[in-house]
Amino acid sequence: YLQLNNLKTEDTAMYYCAKQCIETECERIPTSKVLV
């Protein structure tokens, strides 16, 4: 979950749920969907 309070116009965005990459599971994920 993500509780968003006192929202600002700058918070406008598409929000994504992400998981820690384990072993090689993220090798096929486009880099545009990845952050370190």
PDB file of all heavy atoms in Angstrom:
ATOM      1  N   TYR A   1       0.828  -1.195   0.000  1.00  0.00           N
ATOM      2  CA  TYR A   1       0.000   0.000   0.000  1.00  0.00           C
ATOM      3  C   TYR A   1       0.867   1.251   0.000  1.00  0.00           C
ATOM      4  O   TYR A   1       2.012   1.240   0.438  1.00  0.00           O
ATOM      5  CB  TYR A   1      -0.905   0.040   1.234  1.00  0.00           C
ATOM      6  CG  TYR A   1      -1.752  -1.185   1.400  1.00  0.00           C
ATOM      7  CD1 TYR A   1      -1.393  -2.179   2.301  1.00  0.00           C
ATOM      8  CD2 TYR A   1      -2.921  -1.353   0.658  1.00  0.00           C
ATOM      9  CE1 TYR A   1      -2.170  -3.314   2.457  1.00  0.00           C
ATOM     10  CE2 TYR A   1      -3.697  -2.490   0.810  1.00  0.00           C
ATOM     11  CZ  TYR A   1      -3.322  -3.462   1.710  1.00  0.00           C
ATOM     12  OH  TYR A   1      -4.098  -4.585   1.859  1.00  0.00           O
ATOM     13  N   LEU A   2       0.285   2.312  -0.477  1.00  0.00           N
ATOM     14  CA  LEU A   2       0.909   3.624  -0.372  1.00  0.00           C
ATOM     15  C   LEU A   2      -0.166   4.630  -0.012  1.00  0.00           C
ATOM     16  O   LEU A   2      -1.083   4.865  -0.799  1.00  0.00           O
ATOM     17  CB  LEU A   2       1.597   4.027  -1.681  1.00  0.00           C
ATOM     18  CG  LEU A   2       2.393   5.328  -1.626  1.00  0.00           C
ATOM     19  CD1 LEU A   2       3.612   5.167  -0.723  1.00  0.00           C
ATOM     20  CD2 LEU A   2       2.826   5.760  -3.027  1.00  0.00           C
ATOM     21  N   GLN A   3      -0.043   5.188   1.168  1.00  0.00           N
ATOM     22  CA  GLN A   3      -0.938   6.238   1.606  1.00  0.00           C
ATOM     23  C   GLN A   3      -0.368   7.571   1.162  1.00  0.00           C
ATOM     24  O   GLN A   3       0.764   7.912   1.512  1.00  0.00           O
ATOM     25  CB  GLN A   3      -1.095   6.212   3.125  1.00  0.00           C
ATOM     26  CG  GLN A   3      -2.013   7.285   3.685  1.00  0.00           C
ATOM     27  CD  GLN A   3      -3.461   7.079   3.293  1.00  0.00           C
ATOM     28  OE1 GLN A   3      -3.956   5.958   3.324  1.00  0.00           O
ATOM     29  NE2 GLN A   3      -4.137   8.160   2.916  1.00  0.00           N
ATOM     30  N   LEU A   4      -1.124   8.301   0.386  1.00  0.00           N
ATOM     31  CA  LEU A   4      -0.697   9.587  -0.129  1.00  0.00           C
ATOM     32  C   LEU A   4      -1.522  10.676   0.541  1.00  0.00           C
ATOM     33  O   LEU A   4      -2.736  10.736   0.358  1.00  0.00           O
ATOM     34  CB  LEU A   4      -0.872   9.686  -1.646  1.00  0.00           C
ATOM     35  CG  LEU A   4      -0.092   8.730  -2.546  1.00  0.00           C
ATOM     36  CD1 LEU A   4      -0.745   7.353  -2.578  1.00  0.00           C
ATOM     37  CD2 LEU A   4      -0.041   9.297  -3.961  1.00  0.00           C
ATOM     38  N   ASN A   5      -0.871  11.521   1.309  1.00  0.00           N
ATOM     39  CA  ASN A   5      -1.538  12.604   2.004  1.00  0.00           C
ATOM     40  C   ASN A   5      -1.006  13.948   1.530  1.00  0.00           C
ATOM     41  O   ASN A   5       0.102  14.046   1.015  1.00  0.00           O
ATOM     42  CB  ASN A   5      -1.337  12.481   3.515  1.00  0.00           C
ATOM     43  CG  ASN A   5      -1.945  11.236   4.096  1.00  0.00           C
ATOM     44  OD1 ASN A   5      -3.030  10.814   3.695  1.00  0.00           O
ATOM     45  ND2 ASN A   5      -1.264  10.636   5.072  1.00  0.00           N
ATOM     46  N   ASN A   6      -1.809  14.966   1.763  1.00  0.00           N
ATOM     47  CA  ASN A   6      -1.415  16.329   1.403  1.00  0.00           C
ATOM     48  C   ASN A   6      -0.868  16.376  -0.019  1.00  0.00           C
ATOM     49  O   ASN A   6       0.213  16.904  -0.277  1.00  0.00           O
ATOM     50  CB  ASN A   6      -0.388  16.861   2.396  1.00  0.00           C
ATOM     51  CG  ASN A   6      -0.141  18.345   2.249  1.00  0.00           C
ATOM     52  OD1 ASN A   6      -1.001  19.087   1.763  1.00  0.00           O
ATOM     53  ND2 ASN A   6       1.036  18.800   2.663  1.00  0.00           N
ATOM     54  N   LEU A   7      -1.641  15.853  -0.921  1.00  0.00           N
ATOM     55  CA  LEU A   7      -1.187  15.727  -2.301  1.00  0.00           C
ATOM     56  C   LEU A   7      -0.986  17.078  -2.964  1.00  0.00           C
ATOM     57  O   LEU A   7      -1.732  18.027  -2.729  1.00  0.00           O
ATOM     58  CB  LEU A   7      -2.178  14.898  -3.095  1.00  0.00           C
ATOM     59  CG  LEU A   7      -2.068  13.394  -2.845  1.00  0.00           C
ATOM     60  CD1 LEU A   7      -3.333  12.681  -3.283  1.00  0.00           C
ATOM     61  CD2 LEU A   7      -0.857  12.830  -3.579  1.00  0.00           C
ATOM     62  N   LYS A   8       0.034  17.116  -3.792  1.00  0.00           N
ATOM     63  CA  LYS A   8       0.380  18.307  -4.553  1.00  0.00           C
ATOM     64  C   LYS A   8       0.215  18.021  -6.038  1.00  0.00           C
ATOM     65  O   LYS A   8       0.250  16.868  -6.460  1.00  0.00           O
ATOM     66  CB  LYS A   8       1.828  18.711  -4.271  1.00  0.00           C
ATOM     67  CG  LYS A   8       2.143  18.951  -2.807  1.00  0.00           C
ATOM     68  CD  LYS A   8       3.617  19.268  -2.623  1.00  0.00           C
ATOM     69  CE  LYS A   8       3.942  19.511  -1.167  1.00  0.00           C
ATOM     70  NZ  LYS A   8       5.380  19.819  -0.972  1.00  0.00           N
ATOM     71  N   THR A   9       0.066  19.067  -6.824  1.00  0.00           N
ATOM     72  CA  THR A   9      -0.056  18.870  -8.259  1.00  0.00           C
ATOM     73  C   THR A   9       1.164  18.157  -8.825  1.00  0.00           C
ATOM     74  O   THR A   9       1.044  17.408  -9.797  1.00  0.00           O
ATOM     75  CB  THR A   9      -0.260  20.203  -8.983  1.00  0.00           C
ATOM     76  OG1 THR A   9       0.817  21.095  -8.681  1.00  0.00           O
ATOM     77  CG2 THR A   9      -1.571  20.848  -8.557  1.00  0.00           C
ATOM     78  N   GLU A  10       2.311  18.366  -8.205  1.00  0.00           N
ATOM     79  CA  GLU A  10       3.541  17.731  -8.653  1.00  0.00           C
ATOM     80  C   GLU A  10       3.540  16.216  -8.437  1.00  0.00           C
ATOM     81  O   GLU A  10       4.418  15.517  -8.958  1.00  0.00           O
ATOM     82  CB  GLU A  10       4.755  18.327  -7.934  1.00  0.00           C
ATOM     83  CG  GLU A  10       4.888  19.831  -8.069  1.00  0.00           C
ATOM     84  CD  GLU A  10       4.134  20.569  -6.989  1.00  0.00           C
ATOM     85  OE1 GLU A  10       4.636  20.627  -5.849  1.00  0.00           O
ATOM     86  OE2 GLU A  10       3.034  21.091  -7.278  1.00  0.00           O
ATOM     87  N   ASP A  11       2.588  15.723  -7.662  1.00  0.00           N
ATOM     88  CA  ASP A  11       2.474  14.286  -7.435  1.00  0.00           C
ATOM     89  C   ASP A  11       1.727  13.579  -8.558  1.00  0.00           C
ATOM     90  O   ASP A  11       1.635  12.347  -8.549  1.00  0.00           O
ATOM     91  CB  ASP A  11       1.769  14.001  -6.111  1.00  0.00           C
ATOM     92  CG  ASP A  11       2.550  14.497  -4.917  1.00  0.00           C
ATOM     93  OD1 ASP A  11       3.784  14.320  -4.887  1.00  0.00           O
ATOM     94  OD2 ASP A  11       1.912  15.068  -4.001  1.00  0.00           O
ATOM     95  N   THR A  12       1.188  14.334  -9.473  1.00  0.00           N
ATOM     96  CA  THR A  12       0.478  13.733 -10.600  1.00  0.00           C
ATOM     97  C   THR A  12       1.418  12.827 -11.383  1.00  0.00           C
ATOM     98  O   THR A  12       2.464  13.262 -11.857  1.00  0.00           O
ATOM     99  CB  THR A  12      -0.091  14.816 -11.525  1.00  0.00           C
ATOM    100  OG1 THR A  12      -1.087  15.560 -10.822  1.00  0.00           O
ATOM    101  CG2 THR A  12      -0.725  14.201 -12.765  1.00  0.00           C
ATOM    102  N   ALA A  13       1.046  11.571 -11.494  1.00  0.00           N
ATOM    103  CA  ALA A  13       1.913  10.600 -12.143  1.00  0.00           C
ATOM    104  C   ALA A  13       1.207   9.258 -12.228  1.00  0.00           C
ATOM    105  O   ALA A  13       0.193   9.020 -11.579  1.00  0.00           O
ATOM    106  CB  ALA A  13       3.221  10.433 -11.369  1.00  0.00           C
ATOM    107  N   MET A  14       1.776   8.388 -13.034  1.00  0.00           N
ATOM    108  CA  MET A  14       1.401   6.990 -13.001  1.00  0.00           C
ATOM    109  C   MET A  14       2.243   6.333 -11.910  1.00  0.00           C
ATOM    110  O   MET A  14       3.470   6.454 -11.910  1.00  0.00           O
ATOM    111  CB  MET A  14       1.654   6.335 -14.346  1.00  0.00           C
ATOM    112  CG  MET A  14       1.160   4.901 -14.436  1.00  0.00           C
ATOM    113  SD  MET A  14      -0.649   4.785 -14.492  1.00  0.00           S
ATOM    114  CE  MET A  14      -0.962   5.369 -16.160  1.00  0.00           C
ATOM    115  N   TYR A  15       1.587   5.651 -11.000  1.00  0.00           N
ATOM    116  CA  TYR A  15       2.269   5.023  -9.878  1.00  0.00           C
ATOM    117  C   TYR A  15       2.359   3.525 -10.095  1.00  0.00           C
ATOM    118  O   TYR A  15       1.365   2.866 -10.420  1.00  0.00           O
ATOM    119  CB  TYR A  15       1.543   5.319  -8.569  1.00  0.00           C
ATOM    120  CG  TYR A  15       1.804   6.711  -8.059  1.00  0.00           C
ATOM    121  CD1 TYR A  15       1.238   7.812  -8.694  1.00  0.00           C
ATOM    122  CD2 TYR A  15       2.627   6.942  -6.961  1.00  0.00           C
ATOM    123  CE1 TYR A  15       1.487   9.098  -8.251  1.00  0.00           C
ATOM    124  CE2 TYR A  15       2.880   8.222  -6.504  1.00  0.00           C
ATOM    125  CZ  TYR A  15       2.305   9.298  -7.155  1.00  0.00           C
ATOM    126  OH  TYR A  15       2.553  10.579  -6.705  1.00  0.00           O
ATOM    127  N   TYR A  16       3.548   2.977  -9.877  1.00  0.00           N
ATOM    128  CA  TYR A  16       3.822   1.569 -10.115  1.00  0.00           C
ATOM    129  C   TYR A  16       4.302   0.881  -8.852  1.00  0.00           C
ATOM    130  O   TYR A  16       5.095   1.433  -8.090  1.00  0.00           O
ATOM    131  CB  TYR A  16       4.900   1.399 -11.183  1.00  0.00           C
ATOM    132  CG  TYR A  16       4.565   1.998 -12.521  1.00  0.00           C
ATOM    133  CD1 TYR A  16       4.986   3.279 -12.851  1.00  0.00           C
ATOM    134  CD2 TYR A  16       3.840   1.277 -13.462  1.00  0.00           C
ATOM    135  CE1 TYR A  16       4.687   3.833 -14.082  1.00  0.00           C
ATOM    136  CE2 TYR A  16       3.537   1.818 -14.691  1.00  0.00           C
ATOM    137  CZ  TYR A  16       3.967   3.094 -15.002  1.00  0.00           C
ATOM    138  OH  TYR A  16       3.670   3.639 -16.228  1.00  0.00           O
ATOM    139  N   CYS A  17       3.851  -0.322  -8.672  1.00  0.00           N
ATOM    140  CA  CYS A  17       4.312  -1.205  -7.617  1.00  0.00           C
ATOM    141  C   CYS A  17       5.485  -2.020  -8.152  1.00  0.00           C
ATOM    142  O   CYS A  17       5.372  -2.658  -9.203  1.00  0.00           O
ATOM    143  CB  CYS A  17       3.155  -2.115  -7.207  1.00  0.00           C
ATOM    144  SG  CYS A  17       3.548  -3.423  -6.049  1.00  0.00           S
ATOM    145  N   ALA A  18       6.604  -2.004  -7.442  1.00  0.00           N
ATOM    146  CA  ALA A  18       7.804  -2.688  -7.903  1.00  0.00           C
ATOM    147  C   ALA A  18       8.331  -3.644  -6.845  1.00  0.00           C
ATOM    148  O   ALA A  18       8.117  -3.446  -5.653  1.00  0.00           O
ATOM    149  CB  ALA A  18       8.884  -1.663  -8.251  1.00  0.00           C
ATOM    150  N   LYS A  19       9.017  -4.662  -7.291  1.00  0.00           N
ATOM    151  CA  LYS A  19       9.610  -5.629  -6.388  1.00  0.00           C
ATOM    152  C   LYS A  19      11.111  -5.711  -6.585  1.00  0.00           C
ATOM    153  O   LYS A  19      11.627  -5.418  -7.672  1.00  0.00           O
ATOM    154  CB  LYS A  19       9.006  -7.024  -6.573  1.00  0.00           C
ATOM    155  CG  LYS A  19       9.413  -7.717  -7.853  1.00  0.00           C
ATOM    156  CD  LYS A  19       8.834  -9.131  -7.953  1.00  0.00           C
ATOM    157  CE  LYS A  19       9.465 -10.093  -6.970  1.00  0.00           C
ATOM    158  NZ  LYS A  19      10.877 -10.411  -7.273  1.00  0.00           N
ATOM    159  N   GLN A  20      11.787  -6.103  -5.543  1.00  0.00           N
ATOM    160  CA  GLN A  20      13.202  -6.410  -5.597  1.00  0.00           C
ATOM    161  C   GLN A  20      13.444  -7.520  -6.604  1.00  0.00           C
ATOM    162  O   GLN A  20      12.720  -8.520  -6.632  1.00  0.00           O
ATOM    163  CB  GLN A  20      13.669  -6.841  -4.207  1.00  0.00           C
ATOM    164  CG  GLN A  20      15.082  -7.341  -4.119  1.00  0.00           C
ATOM    165  CD  GLN A  20      15.356  -7.970  -2.771  1.00  0.00           C
ATOM    166  OE1 GLN A  20      14.451  -8.188  -1.974  1.00  0.00           O
ATOM    167  NE2 GLN A  20      16.613  -8.262  -2.493  1.00  0.00           N
ATOM    168  N   CYS A  21      14.450  -7.364  -7.419  1.00  0.00           N
ATOM    169  CA  CYS A  21      14.797  -8.395  -8.385  1.00  0.00           C
ATOM    170  C   CYS A  21      15.595  -9.496  -7.713  1.00  0.00           C
ATOM    171  O   CYS A  21      16.551  -9.228  -6.980  1.00  0.00           O
ATOM    172  CB  CYS A  21      15.611  -7.805  -9.525  1.00  0.00           C
ATOM    173  SG  CYS A  21      14.707  -6.617 -10.545  1.00  0.00           S
ATOM    174  N   ILE A  22      15.202 -10.715  -7.975  1.00  0.00           N
ATOM    175  CA  ILE A  22      15.871 -11.888  -7.419  1.00  0.00           C
ATOM    176  C   ILE A  22      16.497 -12.706  -8.545  1.00  0.00           C
ATOM    177  O   ILE A  22      15.846 -13.012  -9.546  1.00  0.00           O
ATOM    178  CB  ILE A  22      14.886 -12.767  -6.626  1.00  0.00           C
ATOM    179  CG1 ILE A  22      14.287 -11.984  -5.458  1.00  0.00           C
ATOM    180  CG2 ILE A  22      15.570 -14.025  -6.121  1.00  0.00           C
ATOM    181  CD1 ILE A  22      15.305 -11.528  -4.451  1.00  0.00           C
ATOM    182  N   GLU A  23      17.745 -13.036  -8.362  1.00  0.00           N
ATOM    183  CA  GLU A  23      18.489 -13.824  -9.344  1.00  0.00           C
ATOM    184  C   GLU A  23      18.403 -13.170 -10.726  1.00  0.00           C
ATOM    185  O   GLU A  23      18.757 -12.003 -10.868  1.00  0.00           O
ATOM    186  CB  GLU A  23      17.996 -15.272  -9.331  1.00  0.00           C
ATOM    187  CG  GLU A  23      18.234 -15.948  -7.982  1.00  0.00           C
ATOM    188  CD  GLU A  23      17.703 -17.360  -7.902  1.00  0.00           C
ATOM    189  OE1 GLU A  23      16.875 -17.750  -8.737  1.00  0.00           O
ATOM    190  OE2 GLU A  23      18.122 -18.083  -6.987  1.00  0.00           O
ATOM    191  N   THR A  24      17.902 -13.896 -11.708  1.00  0.00           N
ATOM    192  CA  THR A  24      17.890 -13.388 -13.074  1.00  0.00           C
ATOM    193  C   THR A  24      16.516 -12.956 -13.555  1.00  0.00           C
ATOM    194  O   THR A  24      16.330 -12.694 -14.746  1.00  0.00           O
ATOM    195  CB  THR A  24      18.432 -14.452 -14.036  1.00  0.00           C
ATOM    196  OG1 THR A  24      17.590 -15.607 -13.996  1.00  0.00           O
ATOM    197  CG2 THR A  24      19.847 -14.848 -13.668  1.00  0.00           C
ATOM    198  N   GLU A  25      15.563 -12.849 -12.658  1.00  0.00           N
ATOM    199  CA  GLU A  25      14.181 -12.627 -13.077  1.00  0.00           C
ATOM    200  C   GLU A  25      13.944 -11.293 -13.779  1.00  0.00           C
ATOM    201  O   GLU A  25      12.955 -11.152 -14.507  1.00  0.00           O
ATOM    202  CB  GLU A  25      13.228 -12.750 -11.886  1.00  0.00           C
ATOM    203  CG  GLU A  25      13.398 -11.671 -10.832  1.00  0.00           C
ATOM    204  CD  GLU A  25      12.413 -11.820  -9.685  1.00  0.00           C
ATOM    205  OE1 GLU A  25      11.571 -12.732  -9.716  1.00  0.00           O
ATOM    206  OE2 GLU A  25      12.492 -11.015  -8.746  1.00  0.00           O
ATOM    207  N   CYS A  26      14.816 -10.335 -13.573  1.00  0.00           N
ATOM    208  CA  CYS A  26      14.623  -9.033 -14.191  1.00  0.00           C
ATOM    209  C   CYS A  26      15.424  -8.837 -15.472  1.00  0.00           C
ATOM    210  O   CYS A  26      15.390  -7.747 -16.054  1.00  0.00           O
ATOM    211  CB  CYS A  26      14.970  -7.920 -13.198  1.00  0.00           C
ATOM    212  SG  CYS A  26      13.822  -7.811 -11.811  1.00  0.00           S
ATOM    213  N   GLU A  27      16.096  -9.857 -15.899  1.00  0.00           N
ATOM    214  CA  GLU A  27      16.913  -9.732 -17.104  1.00  0.00           C
ATOM    215  C   GLU A  27      16.066  -9.427 -18.329  1.00  0.00           C
ATOM    216  O   GLU A  27      16.545  -8.780 -19.268  1.00  0.00           O
ATOM    217  CB  GLU A  27      17.727 -11.002 -17.339  1.00  0.00           C
ATOM    218  CG  GLU A  27      18.860 -11.198 -16.349  1.00  0.00           C
ATOM    219  CD  GLU A  27      19.701 -12.413 -16.669  1.00  0.00           C
ATOM    220  OE1 GLU A  27      19.293 -13.218 -17.529  1.00  0.00           O
ATOM    221  OE2 GLU A  27      20.784 -12.552 -16.069  1.00  0.00           O
ATOM    222  N   ARG A  28      14.847  -9.896 -18.340  1.00  0.00           N
ATOM    223  CA  ARG A  28      13.959  -9.680 -19.476  1.00  0.00           C
ATOM    224  C   ARG A  28      13.081  -8.441 -19.321  1.00  0.00           C
ATOM    225  O   ARG A  28      12.280  -8.132 -20.205  1.00  0.00           O
ATOM    226  CB  ARG A  28      13.075 -10.903 -19.693  1.00  0.00           C
ATOM    227  CG  ARG A  28      13.844 -12.147 -20.118  1.00  0.00           C
ATOM    228  CD  ARG A  28      12.909 -13.323 -20.327  1.00  0.00           C
ATOM    229  NE  ARG A  28      13.619 -14.501 -20.791  1.00  0.00           N
ATOM    230  CZ  ARG A  28      13.853 -14.770 -22.060  1.00  0.00           C
ATOM    231  NH1 ARG A  28      13.425 -13.940 -23.002  1.00  0.00           N
ATOM    232  NH2 ARG A  28      14.509 -15.860 -22.395  1.00  0.00           N
ATOM    233  N   ILE A  29      13.230  -7.747 -18.208  1.00  0.00           N
ATOM    234  CA  ILE A  29      12.437  -6.548 -17.972  1.00  0.00           C
ATOM    235  C   ILE A  29      13.100  -5.362 -18.662  1.00  0.00           C
ATOM    236  O   ILE A  29      14.299  -5.130 -18.469  1.00  0.00           O
ATOM    237  CB  ILE A  29      12.295  -6.259 -16.468  1.00  0.00           C
ATOM    238  CG1 ILE A  29      11.678  -7.468 -15.750  1.00  0.00           C
ATOM    239  CG2 ILE A  29      11.463  -5.013 -16.233  1.00  0.00           C
ATOM    240  CD1 ILE A  29      10.280  -7.795 -16.213  1.00  0.00           C
ATOM    241  N   PRO A  30      12.350  -4.598 -19.437  1.00  0.00           N
ATOM    242  CA  PRO A  30      12.931  -3.421 -20.083  1.00  0.00           C
ATOM    243  C   PRO A  30      13.529  -2.469 -19.055  1.00  0.00           C
ATOM    244  O   PRO A  30      12.963  -2.275 -17.973  1.00  0.00           O
ATOM    245  CB  PRO A  30      11.744  -2.782 -20.803  1.00  0.00           C
ATOM    246  CG  PRO A  30      10.779  -3.910 -21.010  1.00  0.00           C
ATOM    247  CD  PRO A  30      10.931  -4.794 -19.802  1.00  0.00           C
ATOM    248  N   THR A  31      14.636  -1.866 -19.400  1.00  0.00           N
ATOM    249  CA  THR A  31      15.306  -0.972 -18.466  1.00  0.00           C
ATOM    250  C   THR A  31      14.439   0.215 -18.077  1.00  0.00           C
ATOM    251  O   THR A  31      14.654   0.816 -17.018  1.00  0.00           O
ATOM    252  CB  THR A  31      16.631  -0.469 -19.046  1.00  0.00           C
ATOM    253  OG1 THR A  31      16.396   0.151 -20.311  1.00  0.00           O
ATOM    254  CG2 THR A  31      17.597  -1.633 -19.234  1.00  0.00           C
ATOM    255  N   SER A  32      13.469   0.563 -18.908  1.00  0.00           N
ATOM    256  CA  SER A  32      12.564   1.654 -18.584  1.00  0.00           C
ATOM    257  C   SER A  32      11.685   1.343 -17.379  1.00  0.00           C
ATOM    258  O   SER A  32      11.074   2.250 -16.809  1.00  0.00           O
ATOM    259  CB  SER A  32      11.681   1.992 -19.782  1.00  0.00           C
ATOM    260  OG  SER A  32      10.857   0.894 -20.145  1.00  0.00           O
ATOM    261  N   LYS A  33      11.620   0.086 -16.993  1.00  0.00           N
ATOM    262  CA  LYS A  33      10.817  -0.347 -15.859  1.00  0.00           C
ATOM    263  C   LYS A  33      11.662  -0.700 -14.647  1.00  0.00           C
ATOM    264  O   LYS A  33      11.150  -1.260 -13.672  1.00  0.00           O
ATOM    265  CB  LYS A  33       9.968  -1.566 -16.248  1.00  0.00           C
ATOM    266  CG  LYS A  33       8.978  -1.301 -17.375  1.00  0.00           C
ATOM    267  CD  LYS A  33       8.153  -2.539 -17.670  1.00  0.00           C
ATOM    268  CE  LYS A  33       7.137  -2.271 -18.770  1.00  0.00           C
ATOM    269  NZ  LYS A  33       6.289  -3.464 -19.027  1.00  0.00           N
ATOM    270  N   VAL A  34      12.926  -0.361 -14.685  1.00  0.00           N
ATOM    271  CA  VAL A  34      13.872  -0.766 -13.656  1.00  0.00           C
ATOM    272  C   VAL A  34      14.548   0.439 -13.025  1.00  0.00           C
ATOM    273  O   VAL A  34      14.912   1.401 -13.704  1.00  0.00           O
ATOM    274  CB  VAL A  34      14.940  -1.705 -14.259  1.00  0.00           C
ATOM    275  CG1 VAL A  34      16.007  -2.031 -13.226  1.00  0.00           C
ATOM    276  CG2 VAL A  34      14.297  -2.982 -14.778  1.00  0.00           C
ATOM    277  N   LEU A  35      14.715   0.372 -11.712  1.00  0.00           N
ATOM    278  CA  LEU A  35      15.518   1.350 -10.982  1.00  0.00           C
ATOM    279  C   LEU A  35      16.386   0.618  -9.967  1.00  0.00           C
ATOM    280  O   LEU A  35      15.986  -0.402  -9.422  1.00  0.00           O
ATOM    281  CB  LEU A  35      14.647   2.354 -10.231  1.00  0.00           C
ATOM    282  CG  LEU A  35      13.924   3.435 -11.028  1.00  0.00           C
ATOM    283  CD1 LEU A  35      13.043   4.267 -10.098  1.00  0.00           C
ATOM    284  CD2 LEU A  35      14.914   4.327 -11.754  1.00  0.00           C
ATOM    285  N   VAL A  36      17.569   1.146  -9.735  1.00  0.00           N
ATOM    286  CA  VAL A  36      18.447   0.628  -8.696  1.00  0.00           C
ATOM    287  C   VAL A  36      18.484   1.642  -7.563  1.00  0.00           C
ATOM    288  O   VAL A  36      18.893   2.791  -7.770  1.00  0.00           O
ATOM    289  CB  VAL A  36      19.861   0.365  -9.228  1.00  0.00           C
ATOM    290  CG1 VAL A  36      20.756  -0.142  -8.104  1.00  0.00           C
ATOM    291  CG2 VAL A  36      19.815  -0.644 -10.365  1.00  0.00           C
TER     292      VAL A  36
END
